[in-house]
Amino acid sequence: MKFLTANFRSDRGEIDLIFRDRDCLVFVEVKTRSSEEWGRPASAVDGERRWRLTRAGLDYLRLLRNPQVKVRFDIVEVLLQNDVVSEIRHLRDAFPMPRPYRYG
């Protein structure tokens, strides 16, 4: 994957990282936790958060003049132990663009 930008912000949301993976734009949400006591970090990406990520992704695509590319939403979980990264999990294609949004 080729890194494009970090911390993209629009009026409708924010995307932590954006990459290009061949013909696909990848919007990445990074979630960091010090433990999994309350569940996996990805569980914090609820319906509301997915909706905001989708809208921010559409805003990014609009800035690029809506290219004919696929889009994908990934989550990266970062687990800390004593303030040191102990594990990183990449959840590829973690969720689809929610209805009524579609692209491509």
Protein backbone atom coordinates (compact mmCIF):
# COMPACT_ATOMS: atom_id res chain seq x y z
CA MET A 1 0.00 0.00 0.00
CA LYS A 2 1.13 3.54 -0.69
CA PHE A 3 0.64 6.10 2.08
CA LEU A 4 -1.30 9.19 0.96
CA THR A 5 -2.18 11.25 4.02
CA ALA A 6 -2.84 11.24 7.76
CA ASN A 7 -5.51 12.94 9.84
CA PHE A 8 -7.74 14.01 6.97
CA ARG A 9 -10.50 16.24 8.32
CA SER A 10 -13.68 17.53 6.81
CA ASP A 11 -16.73 19.16 8.33
CA ARG A 12 -18.31 15.72 8.51
CA GLY A 13 -15.56 13.63 10.08
CA GLU A 14 -11.93 12.60 10.28
CA ILE A 15 -9.92 9.72 8.85
CA ASP A 16 -6.72 8.69 10.61
CA LEU A 17 -4.82 7.30 7.61
CA ILE A 18 -5.45 7.05 3.87
CA PHE A 19 -3.60 4.66 1.57
CA ARG A 20 -3.81 3.51 -2.01
CA ASP A 21 -3.77 -0.25 -2.56
CA ARG A 22 -3.59 -0.70 -6.36
CA ASP A 23 -6.98 0.48 -7.66
CA CYS A 24 -8.46 0.90 -4.16
CA LEU A 25 -8.44 3.81 -1.71
CA VAL A 26 -8.13 2.54 1.84
CA PHE A 27 -9.49 4.60 4.72
CA VAL A 28 -7.99 3.46 8.02
CA GLU A 29 -9.29 4.03 11.54
CA VAL A 30 -6.66 3.46 14.24
CA LYS A 31 -7.85 2.43 17.70
CA THR A 32 -5.43 2.18 20.61
CA ARG A 33 -6.14 0.53 23.96
CA SER A 34 -4.09 -0.43 26.99
CA SER A 35 -6.08 -3.63 27.47
CA GLU A 36 -8.86 -5.71 26.00
CA GLU A 37 -10.69 -5.85 29.30
CA TRP A 38 -13.69 -4.05 27.78
CA GLY A 39 -13.41 -5.70 24.37
CA ARG A 40 -11.28 -5.32 21.31
CA PRO A 41 -10.34 -1.81 20.19
CA ALA A 42 -12.28 -2.30 16.92
CA SER A 43 -15.51 -2.60 18.91
CA ALA A 44 -15.29 1.17 19.48
CA VAL A 45 -15.97 1.67 15.77
CA ASP A 46 -19.73 1.58 16.16
CA GLY A 47 -22.45 2.54 13.68
CA GLU A 48 -22.12 6.25 14.42
CA ARG A 49 -18.34 6.16 13.92
CA ARG A 50 -18.71 4.19 10.69
CA TRP A 51 -21.22 6.76 9.43
CA ARG A 52 -18.76 9.60 10.14
CA LEU A 53 -15.87 7.74 8.52
CA THR A 54 -17.97 7.09 5.44
CA ARG A 55 -18.99 10.72 5.09
CA ALA A 56 -15.39 11.91 5.56
CA GLY A 57 -14.29 9.34 2.98
CA LEU A 58 -16.83 10.69 0.51
CA ASP A 59 -15.53 14.21 1.19
CA TYR A 60 -11.98 13.04 0.42
CA LEU A 61 -13.15 11.41 -2.80
CA ARG A 62 -14.93 14.62 -3.76
CA LEU A 63 -11.64 16.54 -3.34
CA LEU A 64 -10.11 14.09 -5.83
CA ARG A 65 -13.03 14.74 -8.23
CA ASN A 66 -14.60 11.33 -7.58
CA PRO A 67 -12.09 9.02 -9.27
CA GLN A 68 -13.20 5.60 -10.48
CA VAL A 69 -11.59 3.61 -7.67
CA LYS A 70 -12.74 1.03 -5.19
CA VAL A 71 -12.91 2.05 -1.54
CA ARG A 72 -12.25 0.03 1.57
CA PHE A 73 -12.46 0.73 5.29
CA ASP A 74 -9.83 -0.93 7.48
CA ILE A 75 -9.26 -0.79 11.23
CA VAL A 76 -5.86 -1.01 12.87
CA GLU A 77 -5.92 -2.08 16.50
CA VAL A 78 -2.94 -1.07 18.63
CA LEU A 79 -2.56 -2.72 22.02
CA LEU A 80 -0.28 -1.18 24.63
CA GLN A 81 1.36 -2.81 27.62
CA ASN A 82 3.01 -0.39 30.05
CA ASP A 83 2.75 2.36 27.41
CA VAL A 84 4.68 0.23 24.88
CA VAL A 85 3.11 -1.24 21.76
CA SER A 86 2.64 -4.94 22.40
CA GLU A 87 0.50 -5.88 19.42
CA ILE A 88 -0.83 -4.43 16.17
CA ARG A 89 -3.73 -6.01 14.29
CA HIS A 90 -4.77 -4.94 10.80
CA LEU A 91 -8.43 -5.70 10.10
CA ARG A 92 -8.74 -5.44 6.34
CA ASP A 93 -12.14 -4.52 4.91
CA ALA A 94 -13.49 -4.18 8.46
CA PHE A 95 -16.85 -2.79 7.40
CA PRO A 96 -18.71 -1.82 4.22
CA MET A 97 -19.94 1.64 3.41
CA PRO A 98 -23.27 1.81 5.29
CA ARG A 99 -26.56 2.49 3.53
CA PRO A 100 -27.60 4.66 1.84
CA TYR A 101 -24.01 5.44 0.82
CA ARG A 102 -22.36 3.67 -2.08
CA TYR A 103 -19.38 4.60 -4.21
CA GLY A 104 -18.05 3.40 -7.52
